[in-house]
C-alpha cells in the first residue's frame, strides 16, 4: 500500500464519506438526539436482546466512558432503561423503552428524505457492486484491530 495512489484514494474517499454522512446526520436528527444516541437506539431496535454498556461500546467502536455518557443522556431522556443484571449485580443491562423506539422511528423519518436523494444519486446496481467490497474491507478491519494504546482512557 505504501505510496499506492489507489489505496490512498480509497481510504480518503471512505473518510470523506464518513465525515459527510456524520455532518448530515447531525443536521437531520431531532435537536435532542445526538448521532451517538441515535446509533444506540437504532442498534437496540434492530438487534433486541441482552445488551450491556460494554457490548454496545464494542459494537459501536467507542470507549466504555463515551458509551456510559451516551446511555446516561438517553436514560435521563426516558429513552432507555439501565438495570442491574440479576445474575451479576455489578453488570448493567440496557433496554429500549417505548419512547426510545418512538424517538428512533422519528429520527429515521427525519433522515428519510435525505436518504431518498442519496439513493436517487447512486443507482441500485452500482450500490450492489460496492457493498460486498466495503463489507469485505470492514470484516477484515474488524478482525484485525490494532491493540489499544496502553495509555488509552476509558
C-alpha atoms as a PDB file:
ATOM      1  CA  UNK A   1       0.000   0.000   0.000  1.00  0.00           C
ATOM      2  CA  UNK A   2       2.930   2.324   0.627  1.00  0.00           C
ATOM      3  CA  UNK A   3       2.569   5.284  -1.743  1.00  0.00           C
ATOM      4  CA  UNK A   4      -0.048   3.491  -3.832  1.00  0.00           C
ATOM      5  CA  UNK A   5      -2.457   6.203  -5.006  1.00  0.00           C
ATOM      6  CA  UNK A   6      -5.335   3.720  -5.376  1.00  0.00           C
ATOM      7  CA  UNK A   7      -5.240   2.806  -1.681  1.00  0.00           C
ATOM      8  CA  UNK A   8      -4.693   6.403  -0.647  1.00  0.00           C
ATOM      9  CA  UNK A   9      -7.746   7.478  -2.659  1.00  0.00           C
ATOM     10  CA  UNK A  10      -9.871   4.585  -1.344  1.00  0.00           C
ATOM     11  CA  UNK A  11      -9.236   5.486   2.299  1.00  0.00           C
ATOM     12  CA  UNK A  12      -9.563   9.222   1.570  1.00  0.00           C
ATOM     13  CA  UNK A  13     -12.970   8.585  -0.042  1.00  0.00           C
ATOM     14  CA  UNK A  14     -14.127   6.427   2.890  1.00  0.00           C
ATOM     15  CA  UNK A  15     -13.015   9.118   5.351  1.00  0.00           C
ATOM     16  CA  UNK A  16     -14.768  11.850   3.355  1.00  0.00           C
ATOM     17  CA  UNK A  17     -17.981   9.785   3.177  1.00  0.00           C
ATOM     18  CA  UNK A  18     -17.858   9.239   6.930  1.00  0.00           C
ATOM     19  CA  UNK A  19     -17.385  12.963   7.592  1.00  0.00           C
ATOM     20  CA  UNK A  20     -20.144  13.986   5.192  1.00  0.00           C
ATOM     21  CA  UNK A  21     -22.642  11.438   6.489  1.00  0.00           C
ATOM     22  CA  UNK A  22     -21.862  12.332  10.114  1.00  0.00           C
ATOM     23  CA  UNK A  23     -22.400  16.026   9.409  1.00  0.00           C
ATOM     24  CA  UNK A  24     -25.646  15.306   7.555  1.00  0.00           C
ATOM     25  CA  UNK A  25     -26.863  13.099  10.392  1.00  0.00           C
ATOM     26  CA  UNK A  26     -26.098  15.805  12.986  1.00  0.00           C
ATOM     27  CA  UNK A  27     -28.090  18.300  10.916  1.00  0.00           C
ATOM     28  CA  UNK A  28     -31.042  15.998  10.203  1.00  0.00           C
ATOM     29  CA  UNK A  29     -31.617  14.416  13.603  1.00  0.00           C
ATOM     30  CA  UNK A  30     -34.074  15.953  16.039  1.00  0.00           C
ATOM     31  CA  UNK A  31     -32.246  18.543  18.200  1.00  0.00           C
ATOM     32  CA  UNK A  32     -32.182  16.476  21.393  1.00  0.00           C
ATOM     33  CA  UNK A  33     -30.828  13.304  19.762  1.00  0.00           C
ATOM     34  CA  UNK A  34     -27.109  13.032  19.013  1.00  0.00           C
ATOM     35  CA  UNK A  35     -25.737  10.749  16.313  1.00  0.00           C
ATOM     36  CA  UNK A  36     -24.299   8.557  19.082  1.00  0.00           C
ATOM     37  CA  UNK A  37     -27.672   8.383  20.821  1.00  0.00           C
ATOM     38  CA  UNK A  38     -29.411   7.578  17.556  1.00  0.00           C
ATOM     39  CA  UNK A  39     -26.858   4.828  16.896  1.00  0.00           C
ATOM     40  CA  UNK A  40     -27.604   3.228  20.257  1.00  0.00           C
ATOM     41  CA  UNK A  41     -31.373   3.456  19.807  1.00  0.00           C
ATOM     42  CA  UNK A  42     -31.104   2.042  16.295  1.00  0.00           C
ATOM     43  CA  UNK A  43     -28.883  -0.822  17.447  1.00  0.00           C
ATOM     44  CA  UNK A  44     -31.275  -1.709  20.280  1.00  0.00           C
ATOM     45  CA  UNK A  45     -34.265  -1.554  17.930  1.00  0.00           C
ATOM     46  CA  UNK A  46     -32.670  -3.612  15.166  1.00  0.00           C
ATOM     47  CA  UNK A  47     -30.994  -6.170  17.396  1.00  0.00           C
ATOM     48  CA  UNK A  48     -33.051  -6.649  20.536  1.00  0.00           C
ATOM     49  CA  UNK A  49     -31.542  -8.718  23.270  1.00  0.00           C
ATOM     50  CA  UNK A  50     -29.245  -8.608  26.251  1.00  0.00           C
ATOM     51  CA  UNK A  51     -27.057  -5.573  25.748  1.00  0.00           C
ATOM     52  CA  UNK A  52     -24.537  -4.365  28.276  1.00  0.00           C
ATOM     53  CA  UNK A  53     -22.828  -0.978  28.050  1.00  0.00           C
ATOM     54  CA  UNK A  54     -19.534  -2.769  27.309  1.00  0.00           C
ATOM     55  CA  UNK A  55     -21.033  -4.782  24.476  1.00  0.00           C
ATOM     56  CA  UNK A  56     -22.657  -1.687  22.988  1.00  0.00           C
ATOM     57  CA  UNK A  57     -19.353   0.190  23.232  1.00  0.00           C
ATOM     58  CA  UNK A  58     -17.509  -2.603  21.441  1.00  0.00           C
ATOM     59  CA  UNK A  59     -20.166  -2.891  18.727  1.00  0.00           C
ATOM     60  CA  UNK A  60     -20.245   0.860  18.063  1.00  0.00           C
ATOM     61  CA  UNK A  61     -16.479   1.382  18.268  1.00  0.00           C
ATOM     62  CA  UNK A  62     -16.494   3.845  21.174  1.00  0.00           C
ATOM     63  CA  UNK A  63     -14.911   3.769  24.603  1.00  0.00           C
ATOM     64  CA  UNK A  64     -16.829   2.494  27.592  1.00  0.00           C
ATOM     65  CA  UNK A  65     -16.729   6.016  29.016  1.00  0.00           C
ATOM     66  CA  UNK A  66     -18.273   7.503  25.887  1.00  0.00           C
ATOM     67  CA  UNK A  67     -20.961   4.810  25.904  1.00  0.00           C
ATOM     68  CA  UNK A  68     -21.689   5.456  29.584  1.00  0.00           C
ATOM     69  CA  UNK A  69     -22.217   9.159  28.819  1.00  0.00           C
ATOM     70  CA  UNK A  70     -24.484   8.405  25.866  1.00  0.00           C
ATOM     71  CA  UNK A  71     -26.532   5.912  27.883  1.00  0.00           C
ATOM     72  CA  UNK A  72     -26.887   8.347  30.778  1.00  0.00           C
ATOM     73  CA  UNK A  73     -28.252  11.016  28.410  1.00  0.00           C
ATOM     74  CA  UNK A  74     -30.667   8.517  26.848  1.00  0.00           C
ATOM     75  CA  UNK A  75     -31.783   7.289  30.268  1.00  0.00           C
ATOM     76  CA  UNK A  76     -32.335  10.854  31.518  1.00  0.00           C
ATOM     77  CA  UNK A  77     -34.460  11.488  28.419  1.00  0.00           C
ATOM     78  CA  UNK A  78     -36.539   8.383  29.212  1.00  0.00           C
ATOM     79  CA  UNK A  79     -35.470   6.548  26.046  1.00  0.00           C
ATOM     80  CA  UNK A  80     -33.604   3.599  27.563  1.00  0.00           C
ATOM     81  CA  UNK A  81     -33.569   1.832  30.886  1.00  0.00           C
ATOM     82  CA  UNK A  82     -30.416   0.725  32.674  1.00  0.00           C
ATOM     83  CA  UNK A  83     -30.921  -2.077  35.178  1.00  0.00           C
ATOM     84  CA  UNK A  84     -28.633  -4.183  37.310  1.00  0.00           C
ATOM     85  CA  UNK A  85     -28.116  -7.690  35.984  1.00  0.00           C
ATOM     86  CA  UNK A  86     -29.961 -10.223  38.135  1.00  0.00           C
ATOM     87  CA  UNK A  87     -27.076 -12.700  37.938  1.00  0.00           C
ATOM     88  CA  UNK A  88     -24.216 -10.228  38.352  1.00  0.00           C
ATOM     89  CA  UNK A  89     -25.155  -7.190  40.420  1.00  0.00           C
ATOM     90  CA  UNK A  90     -22.133  -5.277  39.139  1.00  0.00           C
ATOM     91  CA  UNK A  91     -23.187  -5.598  35.497  1.00  0.00           C
ATOM     92  CA  UNK A  92     -25.904  -3.487  33.928  1.00  0.00           C
ATOM     93  CA  UNK A  93     -28.344  -4.253  31.148  1.00  0.00           C
ATOM     94  CA  UNK A  94     -29.691  -1.747  28.654  1.00  0.00           C
ATOM     95  CA  UNK A  95     -33.212  -1.955  27.303  1.00  0.00           C
ATOM     96  CA  UNK A  96     -35.059   0.191  24.806  1.00  0.00           C
ATOM     97  CA  UNK A  97     -38.161   1.877  26.177  1.00  0.00           C
ATOM     98  CA  UNK A  98     -41.242   2.600  24.010  1.00  0.00           C
ATOM     99  CA  UNK A  99     -40.279   6.302  23.976  1.00  0.00           C
ATOM    100  CA  UNK A 100     -36.837   5.296  22.709  1.00  0.00           C
ATOM    101  CA  UNK A 101     -38.327   3.288  19.871  1.00  0.00           C
ATOM    102  CA  UNK A 102     -40.585   6.241  19.006  1.00  0.00           C
ATOM    103  CA  UNK A 103     -37.568   8.603  19.050  1.00  0.00           C
ATOM    104  CA  UNK A 104     -35.625   6.257  16.788  1.00  0.00           C
ATOM    105  CA  UNK A 105     -38.577   6.000  14.387  1.00  0.00           C
ATOM    106  CA  UNK A 106     -38.955   9.801  14.347  1.00  0.00           C
ATOM    107  CA  UNK A 107     -35.234  10.137  13.642  1.00  0.00           C
ATOM    108  CA  UNK A 108     -35.493   7.684  10.755  1.00  0.00           C
ATOM    109  CA  UNK A 109     -38.403   9.702   9.371  1.00  0.00           C
ATOM    110  CA  UNK A 110     -36.334  12.901   9.573  1.00  0.00           C
ATOM    111  CA  UNK A 111     -33.476  11.227   7.692  1.00  0.00           C
ATOM    112  CA  UNK A 112     -35.652   9.555   5.039  1.00  0.00           C
ATOM    113  CA  UNK A 113     -35.860  12.463   2.556  1.00  0.00           C
ATOM    114  CA  UNK A 114     -32.081  12.830   2.505  1.00  0.00           C
ATOM    115  CA  UNK A 115     -31.647   9.073   2.107  1.00  0.00           C
ATOM    116  CA  UNK A 116     -34.069   9.154  -0.836  1.00  0.00           C
ATOM    117  CA  UNK A 117     -31.903  11.780  -2.528  1.00  0.00           C
ATOM    118  CA  UNK A 118     -28.807   9.626  -1.983  1.00  0.00           C
ATOM    119  CA  UNK A 119     -30.467   6.534  -3.418  1.00  0.00           C
ATOM    120  CA  UNK A 120     -31.537   8.555  -6.447  1.00  0.00           C
ATOM    121  CA  UNK A 121     -27.971   9.810  -6.952  1.00  0.00           C
ATOM    122  CA  UNK A 122     -26.385   6.332  -6.848  1.00  0.00           C
ATOM    123  CA  UNK A 123     -28.195   3.704  -8.908  1.00  0.00           C
ATOM    124  CA  UNK A 124     -29.008   0.472  -7.087  1.00  0.00           C
ATOM    125  CA  UNK A 125     -26.972  -1.654  -9.499  1.00  0.00           C
ATOM    126  CA  UNK A 126     -23.862   0.375  -8.638  1.00  0.00           C
ATOM    127  CA  UNK A 127     -24.535   0.158  -4.897  1.00  0.00           C
ATOM    128  CA  UNK A 128     -24.873  -3.632  -5.210  1.00  0.00           C
ATOM    129  CA  UNK A 129     -21.342  -3.762  -6.670  1.00  0.00           C
ATOM    130  CA  UNK A 130     -19.815  -1.585  -3.945  1.00  0.00           C
ATOM    131  CA  UNK A 131     -21.489  -3.113  -0.877  1.00  0.00           C
ATOM    132  CA  UNK A 132     -19.716  -6.517  -0.962  1.00  0.00           C
ATOM    133  CA  UNK A 133     -16.350  -4.811  -1.386  1.00  0.00           C
ATOM    134  CA  UNK A 134     -16.963  -2.483   1.540  1.00  0.00           C
ATOM    135  CA  UNK A 135     -18.242  -5.394   3.618  1.00  0.00           C
ATOM    136  CA  UNK A 136     -15.086  -7.379   2.862  1.00  0.00           C
ATOM    137  CA  UNK A 137     -12.929  -4.443   3.931  1.00  0.00           C
ATOM    138  CA  UNK A 138     -14.997  -3.870   7.094  1.00  0.00           C
ATOM    139  CA  UNK A 139     -14.802  -7.525   8.116  1.00  0.00           C
ATOM    140  CA  UNK A 140     -11.043  -7.573   7.608  1.00  0.00           C
ATOM    141  CA  UNK A 141     -10.599  -4.365   9.603  1.00  0.00           C
ATOM    142  CA  UNK A 142     -12.871  -5.687  12.349  1.00  0.00           C
ATOM    143  CA  UNK A 143     -10.881  -8.917  12.578  1.00  0.00           C
ATOM    144  CA  UNK A 144      -7.504  -7.143  12.559  1.00  0.00           C
ATOM    145  CA  UNK A 145      -7.985  -4.298  15.002  1.00  0.00           C
ATOM    146  CA  UNK A 146      -4.731  -2.942  16.387  1.00  0.00           C
ATOM    147  CA  UNK A 147      -4.449  -3.185  20.160  1.00  0.00           C
ATOM    148  CA  UNK A 148      -5.328  -0.034  22.083  1.00  0.00           C
ATOM    149  CA  UNK A 149      -2.549   2.172  23.403  1.00  0.00           C
ATOM    150  CA  UNK A 150      -1.567   1.337  26.944  1.00  0.00           C
ATOM    151  CA  UNK A 151      -2.303   4.938  27.938  1.00  0.00           C
ATOM    152  CA  UNK A 152      -5.802   4.915  26.400  1.00  0.00           C
ATOM    153  CA  UNK A 153      -8.520   6.445  28.546  1.00  0.00           C
ATOM    154  CA  UNK A 154     -11.688   4.554  29.291  1.00  0.00           C
END
